[in-house]
Amino acid sequence: DGENGTAEFSRGQSSTSLMYSDEEKVSKLMRQLKYYFSDKNLWKDEWLVKQLGGKENEATGWLPIRVLLTFDKIQRLTSTKKTAENEELVTNLLQKIDDLE
């Protein structure tokens, strides 16, 4: 784990995707993931709720990490084109978010 409750990720970085420092990217990615699964978003995001296997305000299912990796904002914030590394990063951040709550 990095400082300030962020996970570190430094493998396979693409110089074309480094608009932010690694720590900033991880922080932004973590905030975006929190938002996607927040009550504020889920009550209005019918598609995501359906993917989670729930009805409005009853999302209790699972969402494959590979689906998350198709989201535009997640793609912009991941450091590498390697799917396995992005899956590992997103999985670690989701676990960290779950541990914080």
N, C-alpha and C. Protein backbone atom coordinates (compact mmCIF):
# COMPACT_ATOMS: atom_id res chain seq x y z
N ASP A 1 0.83 -1.19 0.00
CA ASP A 1 0.00 0.00 0.00
C ASP A 1 0.87 1.24 0.00
N GLY A 2 0.37 2.28 -0.66
CA GLY A 2 1.08 3.54 -0.71
C GLY A 2 0.66 4.44 0.42
N GLU A 3 1.13 5.64 0.40
CA GLU A 3 0.78 6.62 1.42
C GLU A 3 -0.66 7.08 1.21
N ASN A 4 -1.25 7.63 2.27
CA ASN A 4 -2.59 8.20 2.22
C ASN A 4 -3.66 7.20 1.79
N GLY A 5 -3.47 5.92 2.08
CA GLY A 5 -4.49 4.94 1.79
C GLY A 5 -4.66 4.59 0.32
N THR A 6 -3.64 4.85 -0.50
CA THR A 6 -3.75 4.49 -1.91
C THR A 6 -2.86 3.29 -2.18
N ALA A 7 -3.25 2.51 -3.16
CA ALA A 7 -2.45 1.35 -3.56
C ALA A 7 -1.42 1.81 -4.57
N GLU A 8 -0.28 1.15 -4.55
CA GLU A 8 0.77 1.50 -5.51
C GLU A 8 0.66 0.60 -6.72
N PHE A 9 0.94 1.16 -7.90
CA PHE A 9 0.92 0.39 -9.13
C PHE A 9 1.90 1.04 -10.08
N SER A 10 2.93 0.32 -10.45
CA SER A 10 3.94 0.94 -11.29
C SER A 10 4.39 0.10 -12.46
N ARG A 11 3.83 -1.10 -12.62
CA ARG A 11 4.27 -1.95 -13.72
C ARG A 11 3.65 -1.52 -15.04
N GLY A 12 4.36 -1.64 -16.13
CA GLY A 12 3.83 -1.50 -17.47
C GLY A 12 3.17 -0.18 -17.80
N GLN A 13 3.71 0.90 -17.32
CA GLN A 13 3.08 2.19 -17.57
C GLN A 13 3.33 2.65 -18.99
N SER A 14 2.33 3.26 -19.58
CA SER A 14 2.44 3.80 -20.92
C SER A 14 2.71 5.29 -20.83
N SER A 15 3.74 5.77 -21.48
CA SER A 15 4.07 7.19 -21.40
C SER A 15 2.97 8.05 -22.01
N THR A 16 2.19 7.51 -22.95
CA THR A 16 1.11 8.29 -23.55
C THR A 16 -0.07 8.46 -22.62
N SER A 17 -0.18 7.64 -21.57
CA SER A 17 -1.33 7.74 -20.67
C SER A 17 -0.99 8.44 -19.36
N LEU A 18 0.22 8.95 -19.22
CA LEU A 18 0.63 9.56 -17.96
C LEU A 18 0.31 11.05 -17.91
N MET A 19 -0.99 11.37 -17.84
CA MET A 19 -1.39 12.76 -17.67
C MET A 19 -1.27 13.16 -16.21
N TYR A 20 -1.33 12.22 -15.31
CA TYR A 20 -1.22 12.44 -13.88
C TYR A 20 -0.09 11.59 -13.35
N SER A 21 0.39 11.93 -12.15
CA SER A 21 1.36 11.05 -11.51
C SER A 21 0.65 9.75 -11.16
N ASP A 22 1.42 8.71 -10.89
CA ASP A 22 0.82 7.41 -10.54
C ASP A 22 -0.08 7.54 -9.32
N GLU A 23 0.36 8.27 -8.31
CA GLU A 23 -0.43 8.43 -7.10
C GLU A 23 -1.75 9.16 -7.40
N GLU A 24 -1.69 10.18 -8.24
CA GLU A 24 -2.91 10.90 -8.63
C GLU A 24 -3.87 9.99 -9.39
N LYS A 25 -3.31 9.20 -10.31
CA LYS A 25 -4.15 8.29 -11.09
C LYS A 25 -4.84 7.27 -10.19
N VAL A 26 -4.11 6.70 -9.26
CA VAL A 26 -4.68 5.71 -8.36
C VAL A 26 -5.76 6.37 -7.49
N SER A 27 -5.50 7.57 -7.02
CA SER A 27 -6.47 8.29 -6.21
C SER A 27 -7.74 8.59 -7.01
N LYS A 28 -7.58 9.06 -8.24
CA LYS A 28 -8.72 9.35 -9.11
C LYS A 28 -9.49 8.07 -9.45
N LEU A 29 -8.76 7.00 -9.70
CA LEU A 29 -9.39 5.72 -10.01
C LEU A 29 -10.20 5.22 -8.81
N MET A 30 -9.63 5.35 -7.63
CA MET A 30 -10.33 4.91 -6.43
C MET A 30 -11.61 5.74 -6.21
N ARG A 31 -11.53 7.05 -6.41
CA ARG A 31 -12.72 7.90 -6.28
C ARG A 31 -13.78 7.51 -7.30
N GLN A 32 -13.35 7.22 -8.54
CA GLN A 32 -14.30 6.87 -9.59
C GLN A 32 -14.98 5.54 -9.28
N LEU A 33 -14.22 4.57 -8.80
CA LEU A 33 -14.80 3.28 -8.44
C LEU A 33 -15.80 3.44 -7.30
N LYS A 34 -15.44 4.25 -6.29
CA LYS A 34 -16.37 4.51 -5.18
C LYS A 34 -17.66 5.12 -5.72
N TYR A 35 -17.53 6.05 -6.64
CA TYR A 35 -18.71 6.71 -7.20
C TYR A 35 -19.61 5.71 -7.93
N TYR A 36 -19.02 4.88 -8.78
CA TYR A 36 -19.82 3.93 -9.55
C TYR A 36 -20.73 3.10 -8.64
N PHE A 37 -20.24 2.70 -7.47
CA PHE A 37 -20.99 1.82 -6.59
C PHE A 37 -21.67 2.56 -5.44
N SER A 38 -21.69 3.88 -5.52
CA SER A 38 -22.34 4.67 -4.47
C SER A 38 -23.85 4.68 -4.67
N ASP A 39 -24.56 4.93 -3.58
CA ASP A 39 -26.02 5.07 -3.66
C ASP A 39 -26.39 6.20 -4.61
N LYS A 40 -25.59 7.26 -4.59
CA LYS A 40 -25.85 8.42 -5.45
C LYS A 40 -25.90 8.02 -6.93
N ASN A 41 -25.02 7.12 -7.33
CA ASN A 41 -24.98 6.69 -8.73
C ASN A 41 -25.95 5.54 -9.01
N LEU A 42 -25.99 4.57 -8.13
CA LEU A 42 -26.77 3.36 -8.40
C LEU A 42 -28.27 3.61 -8.52
N TRP A 43 -28.79 4.60 -7.83
CA TRP A 43 -30.24 4.84 -7.92
C TRP A 43 -30.64 5.32 -9.31
N LYS A 44 -29.69 5.89 -10.06
CA LYS A 44 -30.03 6.41 -11.38
C LYS A 44 -29.39 5.62 -12.53
N ASP A 45 -28.46 4.74 -12.25
CA ASP A 45 -27.75 3.99 -13.29
C ASP A 45 -28.39 2.62 -13.47
N GLU A 46 -29.48 2.59 -14.23
CA GLU A 46 -30.23 1.35 -14.43
C GLU A 46 -29.38 0.25 -15.06
N TRP A 47 -28.52 0.62 -15.99
CA TRP A 47 -27.68 -0.37 -16.67
C TRP A 47 -26.76 -1.06 -15.67
N LEU A 48 -26.09 -0.28 -14.82
CA LEU A 48 -25.16 -0.86 -13.85
C LEU A 48 -25.91 -1.73 -12.84
N VAL A 49 -27.05 -1.28 -12.37
CA VAL A 49 -27.85 -2.07 -11.43
C VAL A 49 -28.25 -3.40 -12.07
N LYS A 50 -28.65 -3.34 -13.33
CA LYS A 50 -29.01 -4.57 -14.04
C LYS A 50 -27.82 -5.52 -14.14
N GLN A 51 -26.63 -4.96 -14.43
CA GLN A 51 -25.42 -5.78 -14.52
C GLN A 51 -25.08 -6.44 -13.18
N LEU A 52 -25.44 -5.75 -12.10
CA LEU A 52 -25.19 -6.27 -10.76
C LEU A 52 -26.23 -7.31 -10.34
N GLY A 53 -27.24 -7.49 -11.18
CA GLY A 53 -28.24 -8.50 -10.92
C GLY A 53 -29.33 -8.06 -9.98
N GLY A 54 -29.47 -6.76 -9.78
CA GLY A 54 -30.48 -6.28 -8.85
C GLY A 54 -31.50 -5.40 -9.53
N LYS A 55 -32.50 -5.05 -8.76
CA LYS A 55 -33.50 -4.09 -9.20
C LYS A 55 -33.12 -2.75 -8.61
N GLU A 56 -33.79 -1.72 -9.02
CA GLU A 56 -33.49 -0.38 -8.55
C GLU A 56 -33.32 -0.38 -7.03
N ASN A 57 -32.18 0.16 -6.58
CA ASN A 57 -31.81 0.26 -5.16
C ASN A 57 -31.63 -1.09 -4.47
N GLU A 58 -31.55 -2.17 -5.20
CA GLU A 58 -31.34 -3.50 -4.61
C GLU A 58 -30.16 -4.23 -5.25
N ALA A 59 -29.18 -3.51 -5.73
CA ALA A 59 -28.04 -4.14 -6.39
C ALA A 59 -27.23 -4.94 -5.38
N THR A 60 -27.28 -6.25 -5.50
CA THR A 60 -26.59 -7.12 -4.55
C THR A 60 -25.67 -8.12 -5.24
N GLY A 61 -25.59 -8.07 -6.56
CA GLY A 61 -24.79 -9.04 -7.31
C GLY A 61 -23.35 -8.62 -7.49
N TRP A 62 -22.74 -9.27 -8.44
CA TRP A 62 -21.33 -9.05 -8.75
C TRP A 62 -21.20 -8.48 -10.15
N LEU A 63 -20.14 -7.74 -10.37
CA LEU A 63 -19.82 -7.19 -11.67
C LEU A 63 -18.41 -7.62 -12.03
N PRO A 64 -18.24 -8.31 -13.16
CA PRO A 64 -16.88 -8.73 -13.54
C PRO A 64 -15.95 -7.52 -13.71
N ILE A 65 -14.74 -7.67 -13.24
CA ILE A 65 -13.74 -6.61 -13.36
C ILE A 65 -13.57 -6.21 -14.83
N ARG A 66 -13.62 -7.19 -15.72
CA ARG A 66 -13.46 -6.89 -17.16
C ARG A 66 -14.52 -5.94 -17.67
N VAL A 67 -15.72 -5.95 -17.08
CA VAL A 67 -16.76 -5.00 -17.46
C VAL A 67 -16.35 -3.61 -17.00
N LEU A 68 -15.86 -3.50 -15.77
CA LEU A 68 -15.40 -2.19 -15.28
C LEU A 68 -14.31 -1.62 -16.17
N LEU A 69 -13.45 -2.49 -16.66
CA LEU A 69 -12.33 -2.03 -17.49
C LEU A 69 -12.79 -1.49 -18.84
N THR A 70 -14.05 -1.69 -19.19
CA THR A 70 -14.56 -1.14 -20.45
C THR A 70 -15.10 0.28 -20.27
N PHE A 71 -15.27 0.74 -19.03
CA PHE A 71 -15.79 2.08 -18.78
C PHE A 71 -14.74 3.11 -19.21
N ASP A 72 -15.18 4.13 -19.93
CA ASP A 72 -14.27 5.14 -20.47
C ASP A 72 -13.36 5.76 -19.41
N LYS A 73 -13.93 6.17 -18.29
CA LYS A 73 -13.12 6.83 -17.25
C LYS A 73 -12.10 5.88 -16.66
N ILE A 74 -12.46 4.62 -16.52
CA ILE A 74 -11.51 3.63 -16.00
C ILE A 74 -10.39 3.41 -17.01
N GLN A 75 -10.73 3.32 -18.28
CA GLN A 75 -9.71 3.15 -19.32
C GLN A 75 -8.74 4.31 -19.34
N ARG A 76 -9.24 5.53 -19.16
CA ARG A 76 -8.35 6.69 -19.16
C ARG A 76 -7.42 6.71 -17.96
N LEU A 77 -7.84 6.12 -16.86
CA LEU A 77 -7.05 6.17 -15.64
C LEU A 77 -6.15 4.97 -15.41
N THR A 78 -6.33 3.91 -16.16
CA THR A 78 -5.44 2.76 -15.99
C THR A 78 -4.15 3.03 -16.75
N SER A 79 -3.05 2.53 -16.19
CA SER A 79 -1.73 2.88 -16.69
C SER A 79 -1.21 2.00 -17.80
N THR A 80 -1.89 0.92 -18.07
CA THR A 80 -1.33 -0.05 -19.00
C THR A 80 -2.42 -0.63 -19.89
N LYS A 81 -2.04 -1.12 -21.01
CA LYS A 81 -2.97 -1.79 -21.92
C LYS A 81 -3.10 -3.27 -21.57
N LYS A 82 -2.32 -3.76 -20.61
CA LYS A 82 -2.34 -5.17 -20.25
C LYS A 82 -3.53 -5.44 -19.34
N THR A 83 -4.49 -6.20 -19.83
CA THR A 83 -5.73 -6.46 -19.11
C THR A 83 -5.48 -7.07 -17.74
N ALA A 84 -4.59 -8.03 -17.63
CA ALA A 84 -4.35 -8.70 -16.36
C ALA A 84 -3.84 -7.71 -15.30
N GLU A 85 -2.97 -6.80 -15.69
CA GLU A 85 -2.45 -5.81 -14.74
C GLU A 85 -3.55 -4.83 -14.32
N ASN A 86 -4.39 -4.42 -15.27
CA ASN A 86 -5.50 -3.52 -14.93
C ASN A 86 -6.50 -4.23 -14.01
N GLU A 87 -6.77 -5.50 -14.28
CA GLU A 87 -7.66 -6.28 -13.42
C GLU A 87 -7.12 -6.34 -12.00
N GLU A 88 -5.82 -6.57 -11.88
CA GLU A 88 -5.20 -6.65 -10.56
C GLU A 88 -5.31 -5.31 -9.84
N LEU A 89 -5.03 -4.23 -10.52
CA LEU A 89 -5.11 -2.90 -9.92
C LEU A 89 -6.53 -2.61 -9.45
N VAL A 90 -7.51 -2.80 -10.31
CA VAL A 90 -8.90 -2.49 -9.96
C VAL A 90 -9.38 -3.40 -8.83
N THR A 91 -9.02 -4.67 -8.87
CA THR A 91 -9.39 -5.60 -7.80
C THR A 91 -8.81 -5.14 -6.47
N ASN A 92 -7.54 -4.77 -6.45
CA ASN A 92 -6.90 -4.31 -5.22
C ASN A 92 -7.57 -3.04 -4.69
N LEU A 93 -7.92 -2.13 -5.58
CA LEU A 93 -8.57 -0.89 -5.14
C LEU A 93 -9.97 -1.17 -4.60
N LEU A 94 -10.72 -2.06 -5.25
CA LEU A 94 -12.04 -2.41 -4.74
C LEU A 94 -11.96 -3.07 -3.37
N GLN A 95 -10.95 -3.90 -3.16
CA GLN A 95 -10.76 -4.51 -1.84
C GLN A 95 -10.42 -3.45 -0.81
N LYS A 96 -9.58 -2.50 -1.18
CA LYS A 96 -9.21 -1.42 -0.27
C LYS A 96 -10.44 -0.58 0.07
N ILE A 97 -11.27 -0.27 -0.91
CA ILE A 97 -12.49 0.49 -0.67
C ILE A 97 -13.40 -0.27 0.30
N ASP A 98 -13.54 -1.57 0.07
CA ASP A 98 -14.38 -2.40 0.94
C ASP A 98 -13.83 -2.42 2.36
N ASP A 99 -12.51 -2.47 2.50
CA ASP A 99 -11.89 -2.48 3.83
C ASP A 99 -12.10 -1.16 4.56
N LEU A 100 -12.18 -0.05 3.83
CA LEU A 100 -12.35 1.26 4.43
C LEU A 100 -13.77 1.50 4.93
N GLU A 101 -14.71 0.79 4.37
CA GLU A 101 -16.13 1.02 4.73
C GLU A 101 -16.58 0.16 5.86
